[in-house]
């Protein structure tokens, strides 16, 4: 209990996670995390929050090499290339069935498609104009100082206690991979906003619970398609997000207060 169980890096936004034993964590997140994105023909960036367009990206592997500062992209049909090369663009384009390109340079207008789930409880209060089953184009956060493509925060975490309760509520095991966290912590509960923790060498402060989208219900990495999970989340995990309103949430974002190294098995302590 009170230890790091898993470390996940996502070098290409909305592609599969790398499972790590150890990583350096800087002020802007895990080394190499979410530094590349796909760009569609309409200029929007790739996000599985619109599964019709980008759900297949969840099964694409992306491996970050810290020594070379590059990312090797491999599709399930065996094509591969280094991100930023024609080979990588061609591999992902063939897998998705349309031309896309990979970039680590933010487009001038950084936007993405977003599909609102059919479950009404999955729509947050601040999306007043959203309709269940509707599509939208929304702005994406980009940290120009470090070249990251985040939806909200640089460090996303889930706890075993919350996962165990969700599995009981859902009547079936729910894998943490569905929520795409950076760290899986063996803690009995999610800490409240404002709580400070030290994870390995890295001090963090909890910001807000993580509002959820359709991605947890999408089939990827051995987890089957499960639309009913959204109903379970909406029924049991609707809560306040400070300064925003109520939303269906799972997991939490944290601010990184100082750089350091985190390893699987490291202690998680208050303060």
Protein backbone atom coordinates (compact mmCIF):
# COMPACT_ATOMS: atom_id res chain seq x y z
CA UNK A 1 0.00 0.00 0.00
CA UNK A 2 1.05 3.63 -0.62
CA UNK A 3 3.36 2.78 -3.50
CA UNK A 4 3.70 3.35 -7.24
CA UNK A 5 2.23 0.37 -9.09
CA UNK A 6 2.50 1.58 -12.68
CA UNK A 7 4.17 4.23 -14.83
CA UNK A 8 2.75 5.01 -18.28
CA UNK A 9 4.06 7.33 -20.96
CA UNK A 10 2.13 8.38 -24.08
CA UNK A 11 4.69 9.81 -26.55
CA UNK A 12 2.04 10.21 -29.28
CA UNK A 13 -1.24 11.73 -28.14
CA UNK A 14 -4.06 9.13 -28.16
CA UNK A 15 -1.70 6.27 -29.09
CA UNK A 16 -0.98 3.32 -26.80
CA UNK A 17 0.98 3.81 -23.59
CA UNK A 18 4.50 2.67 -22.85
CA UNK A 19 4.70 0.80 -19.54
CA UNK A 20 7.85 1.89 -17.71
CA UNK A 21 9.77 0.77 -14.63
CA UNK A 22 11.39 4.16 -14.11
CA UNK A 23 11.18 7.68 -15.51
CA UNK A 24 12.38 11.18 -14.96
CA UNK A 25 9.57 13.64 -14.25
CA UNK A 26 10.13 17.29 -15.14
CA UNK A 27 7.97 20.31 -14.38
CA UNK A 28 6.09 19.65 -17.63
CA UNK A 29 5.43 15.93 -17.11
CA UNK A 30 7.11 12.60 -17.75
CA UNK A 31 10.06 12.80 -20.13
CA UNK A 32 8.70 12.31 -23.65
CA UNK A 33 5.03 12.30 -22.67
CA UNK A 34 2.56 13.64 -25.26
CA UNK A 35 5.18 15.43 -27.32
CA UNK A 36 3.80 14.31 -30.70
CA UNK A 37 0.34 14.52 -32.28
CA UNK A 38 -1.32 13.44 -35.52
CA UNK A 39 -2.77 16.17 -37.71
CA UNK A 40 -5.71 15.49 -40.02
CA UNK A 41 -6.35 17.01 -43.44
CA UNK A 42 -8.67 19.63 -41.88
CA UNK A 43 -5.88 20.80 -39.54
CA UNK A 44 -7.39 19.32 -36.37
CA UNK A 45 -5.19 17.13 -34.19
CA UNK A 46 -5.77 13.48 -33.48
CA UNK A 47 -7.71 12.56 -30.35
CA UNK A 48 -9.64 9.38 -29.56
CA UNK A 49 -12.23 11.62 -27.92
CA UNK A 50 -13.72 11.35 -31.43
CA UNK A 51 -13.53 7.55 -31.79
CA UNK A 52 -15.00 7.39 -35.29
CA UNK A 53 -11.99 9.32 -36.59
CA UNK A 54 -9.26 8.36 -34.14
CA UNK A 55 -10.25 5.31 -32.08
CA UNK A 56 -7.86 3.08 -34.03
CA UNK A 57 -4.95 5.25 -32.89
CA UNK A 58 -5.28 3.69 -29.42
CA UNK A 59 -3.71 0.50 -30.79
CA UNK A 60 -0.68 2.22 -32.35
CA UNK A 61 2.57 1.79 -30.38
CA UNK A 62 4.81 4.78 -29.76
CA UNK A 63 8.17 4.30 -28.02
CA UNK A 64 10.23 7.27 -26.84
CA UNK A 65 14.04 7.08 -26.95
CA UNK A 66 15.40 9.65 -24.44
CA UNK A 67 18.95 9.39 -25.80
CA UNK A 68 17.87 10.29 -29.33
CA UNK A 69 14.82 12.33 -28.31
CA UNK A 70 12.74 10.59 -30.95
CA UNK A 71 9.69 8.34 -31.08
CA UNK A 72 9.35 5.06 -32.99
CA UNK A 73 5.78 4.53 -34.15
CA UNK A 74 4.54 1.02 -35.00
CA UNK A 75 1.06 0.11 -36.24
CA UNK A 76 -0.67 -3.22 -35.53
CA UNK A 77 -0.22 -4.24 -39.19
CA UNK A 78 3.57 -4.12 -38.73
CA UNK A 79 4.47 -0.81 -40.37
CA UNK A 80 6.79 1.54 -38.52
CA UNK A 81 8.82 4.72 -38.76
CA UNK A 82 10.35 7.45 -36.66
CA UNK A 83 7.88 10.24 -35.89
CA UNK A 84 8.48 13.17 -38.19
CA UNK A 85 9.50 11.03 -41.18
CA UNK A 86 7.46 10.11 -44.28
CA UNK A 87 7.63 6.45 -43.19
CA UNK A 88 5.84 7.17 -39.91
CA UNK A 89 3.23 9.33 -41.63
CA UNK A 90 2.61 6.60 -44.20
CA UNK A 91 2.33 3.88 -41.55
CA UNK A 92 -0.26 5.72 -39.46
CA UNK A 93 -2.12 6.93 -42.55
CA UNK A 94 -2.48 3.37 -43.84
CA UNK A 95 -3.66 2.16 -40.44
CA UNK A 96 -6.28 4.91 -40.14
CA UNK A 97 -7.33 4.72 -43.78
CA UNK A 98 -6.72 8.38 -44.65
CA UNK A 99 -3.74 10.73 -44.96
CA UNK A 100 -2.46 12.19 -41.68
CA UNK A 101 0.89 13.54 -40.57
CA UNK A 102 2.76 13.46 -37.26
CA UNK A 103 4.17 16.64 -35.77
CA UNK A 104 5.63 18.01 -32.56
CA UNK A 105 5.02 21.59 -33.72
CA UNK A 106 1.63 22.94 -32.76
CA UNK A 107 -0.61 23.97 -35.67
CA UNK A 108 -1.54 27.66 -35.69
CA UNK A 109 -5.09 26.77 -34.59
CA UNK A 110 -4.80 23.90 -32.12
CA UNK A 111 -8.20 22.21 -32.20
CA UNK A 112 -9.63 18.70 -32.12
CA UNK A 113 -12.88 16.89 -32.76
CA UNK A 114 -14.81 15.83 -29.65
CA UNK A 115 -17.74 13.40 -29.60
CA UNK A 116 -20.18 13.69 -26.70
CA UNK A 117 -21.30 10.23 -25.52
CA UNK A 118 -24.94 9.21 -25.75
CA UNK A 119 -25.02 8.96 -21.94
CA UNK A 120 -26.29 12.41 -20.78
CA UNK A 121 -24.44 12.15 -17.48
CA UNK A 122 -21.13 12.27 -19.34
CA UNK A 123 -21.66 15.88 -20.38
CA UNK A 124 -20.12 18.39 -17.92
CA UNK A 125 -22.02 21.42 -16.68
CA UNK A 126 -19.68 23.82 -18.47
CA UNK A 127 -20.56 22.30 -21.88
CA UNK A 128 -24.01 23.86 -21.83
CA UNK A 129 -24.49 23.65 -25.61
CA UNK A 130 -23.41 20.01 -25.94
CA UNK A 131 -25.93 17.33 -26.90
CA UNK A 132 -25.60 13.59 -26.25
CA UNK A 133 -24.32 11.94 -29.41
CA UNK A 134 -23.21 15.28 -30.84
CA UNK A 135 -19.87 16.31 -32.29
CA UNK A 136 -17.89 19.46 -31.55
CA UNK A 137 -14.56 21.04 -32.38
CA UNK A 138 -12.76 22.27 -29.26
CA UNK A 139 -9.50 24.01 -28.41
CA UNK A 140 -6.55 21.97 -27.13
CA UNK A 141 -4.06 23.06 -24.51
CA UNK A 142 -0.45 23.24 -25.69
CA UNK A 143 2.51 24.04 -23.46
CA UNK A 144 4.69 25.96 -25.90
CA UNK A 145 7.55 26.15 -23.37
CA UNK A 146 8.01 22.38 -23.44
CA UNK A 147 6.09 21.24 -26.51
CA UNK A 148 3.44 19.10 -24.80
CA UNK A 149 -0.11 18.41 -25.96
CA UNK A 150 -2.29 18.05 -22.87
CA UNK A 151 -6.06 18.24 -22.49
CA UNK A 152 -5.64 19.76 -19.02
CA UNK A 153 -2.75 18.77 -16.77
CA UNK A 154 0.79 17.45 -17.12
CA UNK A 155 0.40 14.57 -14.64
CA UNK A 156 -2.64 12.29 -14.55
CA UNK A 157 -3.05 9.70 -11.78
CA UNK A 158 -5.46 6.96 -10.69
CA UNK A 159 -5.57 4.95 -7.47
CA UNK A 160 -6.23 1.28 -6.80
CA UNK A 161 -8.88 2.14 -4.23
CA UNK A 162 -10.93 4.08 -6.78
CA UNK A 163 -10.47 1.34 -9.39
CA UNK A 164 -11.61 -1.35 -6.95
CA UNK A 165 -14.76 0.61 -6.09
CA UNK A 166 -15.52 1.27 -9.75
CA UNK A 167 -15.11 -2.43 -10.56
CA UNK A 168 -17.58 -3.30 -7.79
CA UNK A 169 -20.05 -0.66 -9.02
CA UNK A 170 -19.72 -1.92 -12.59
CA UNK A 171 -19.96 -5.60 -11.70
CA UNK A 172 -16.79 -6.42 -13.66
CA UNK A 173 -13.07 -5.62 -13.39
CA UNK A 174 -12.12 -2.25 -14.87
CA UNK A 175 -8.51 -1.98 -16.09
CA UNK A 176 -6.60 1.21 -15.35
CA UNK A 177 -5.48 1.29 -19.01
CA UNK A 178 -8.93 2.61 -19.93
CA UNK A 179 -8.16 5.91 -18.17
CA UNK A 180 -4.70 6.51 -19.69
CA UNK A 181 -2.97 7.65 -16.47
CA UNK A 182 0.69 8.51 -16.11
CA UNK A 183 0.89 6.92 -12.66
CA UNK A 184 -1.12 4.18 -10.96
CA UNK A 185 -0.86 4.58 -7.19
CA UNK A 186 -1.65 1.91 -4.61
CA UNK A 187 -3.73 4.19 -2.39
CA UNK A 188 -7.10 3.52 -0.70
CA UNK A 189 -8.66 6.79 -1.93
CA UNK A 190 -8.08 9.65 -4.33
CA UNK A 191 -6.59 12.60 -2.44
CA UNK A 192 -8.58 15.83 -2.35
CA UNK A 193 -7.59 18.94 -4.34
CA UNK A 194 -4.86 20.83 -2.53
CA UNK A 195 -3.31 17.68 -1.04
CA UNK A 196 0.47 17.45 -1.36
CA UNK A 197 2.18 14.12 -1.96
CA UNK A 198 5.75 13.05 -2.58
CA UNK A 199 5.94 10.26 -5.15
CA UNK A 200 9.42 8.80 -5.21
CA UNK A 201 11.58 11.92 -5.56
CA UNK A 202 8.77 14.06 -6.97
CA UNK A 203 6.57 16.38 -4.87
CA UNK A 204 3.15 17.12 -6.38
CA UNK A 205 -0.02 18.98 -5.45
CA UNK A 206 -3.43 17.60 -6.40
CA UNK A 207 -5.33 20.00 -8.66
CA UNK A 208 -8.74 18.66 -9.73
CA UNK A 209 -10.51 15.37 -10.44
CA UNK A 210 -10.27 14.32 -14.09
CA UNK A 211 -13.41 14.87 -16.19
CA UNK A 212 -14.04 11.82 -18.36
CA UNK A 213 -14.91 11.44 -22.03
CA UNK A 214 -15.83 8.45 -24.21
CA UNK A 215 -12.31 6.93 -24.22
CA UNK A 216 -12.72 4.64 -21.15
CA UNK A 217 -15.47 2.76 -23.00
CA UNK A 218 -13.52 2.20 -26.24
CA UNK A 219 -11.90 -1.15 -27.04
CA UNK A 220 -8.12 -1.01 -26.88
CA UNK A 221 -5.17 -3.01 -25.61
CA UNK A 222 -7.23 -6.06 -24.70
CA UNK A 223 -10.05 -4.14 -23.04
CA UNK A 224 -13.29 -4.74 -24.99
CA UNK A 225 -15.72 -2.07 -26.09
CA UNK A 226 -17.94 -1.35 -23.06
CA UNK A 227 -20.44 1.53 -23.49
CA UNK A 228 -22.13 0.53 -20.22
CA UNK A 229 -19.04 1.70 -18.31
CA UNK A 230 -20.05 5.29 -19.08
CA UNK A 231 -23.41 4.72 -17.37
CA UNK A 232 -21.62 3.37 -14.30
CA UNK A 233 -19.27 6.34 -14.23
CA UNK A 234 -22.09 8.84 -14.67
CA UNK A 235 -24.15 7.21 -11.92
CA UNK A 236 -21.43 6.96 -9.28
CA UNK A 237 -18.72 9.48 -10.16
CA UNK A 238 -20.41 12.80 -10.86
CA UNK A 239 -18.69 15.42 -8.72
CA UNK A 240 -17.57 19.03 -8.44
CA UNK A 241 -14.53 20.19 -10.41
CA UNK A 242 -13.30 23.34 -8.61
CA UNK A 243 -13.78 26.53 -10.68
CA UNK A 244 -15.56 24.64 -13.47
CA UNK A 245 -18.73 22.88 -12.26
CA UNK A 246 -19.98 19.31 -11.98
CA UNK A 247 -18.79 16.54 -14.26
CA UNK A 248 -18.34 12.79 -14.37
CA UNK A 249 -14.77 12.25 -13.17
CA UNK A 250 -12.28 9.50 -12.51
CA UNK A 251 -8.67 9.96 -11.46
CA UNK A 252 -7.04 13.32 -10.80
CA UNK A 253 -4.54 15.80 -12.15
CA UNK A 254 -1.57 17.02 -10.14
CA UNK A 255 0.90 19.87 -10.47
CA UNK A 256 4.57 18.85 -10.42
CA UNK A 257 6.36 20.97 -7.81
CA UNK A 258 9.94 19.80 -8.47
CA UNK A 259 11.76 17.50 -10.86
CA UNK A 260 12.92 14.03 -9.93
CA UNK A 261 12.79 10.32 -10.67
CA UNK A 262 9.87 7.96 -10.07
CA UNK A 263 10.20 4.17 -10.08
CA UNK A 264 7.68 1.36 -9.73
CA UNK A 265 7.63 0.44 -6.04
CA UNK A 266 8.48 3.95 -4.81
CA UNK A 267 6.67 5.13 -1.71
CA UNK A 268 3.88 7.71 -1.85
CA UNK A 269 3.92 9.86 1.28
CA UNK A 270 2.01 12.96 2.42
CA UNK A 271 3.66 16.35 1.98
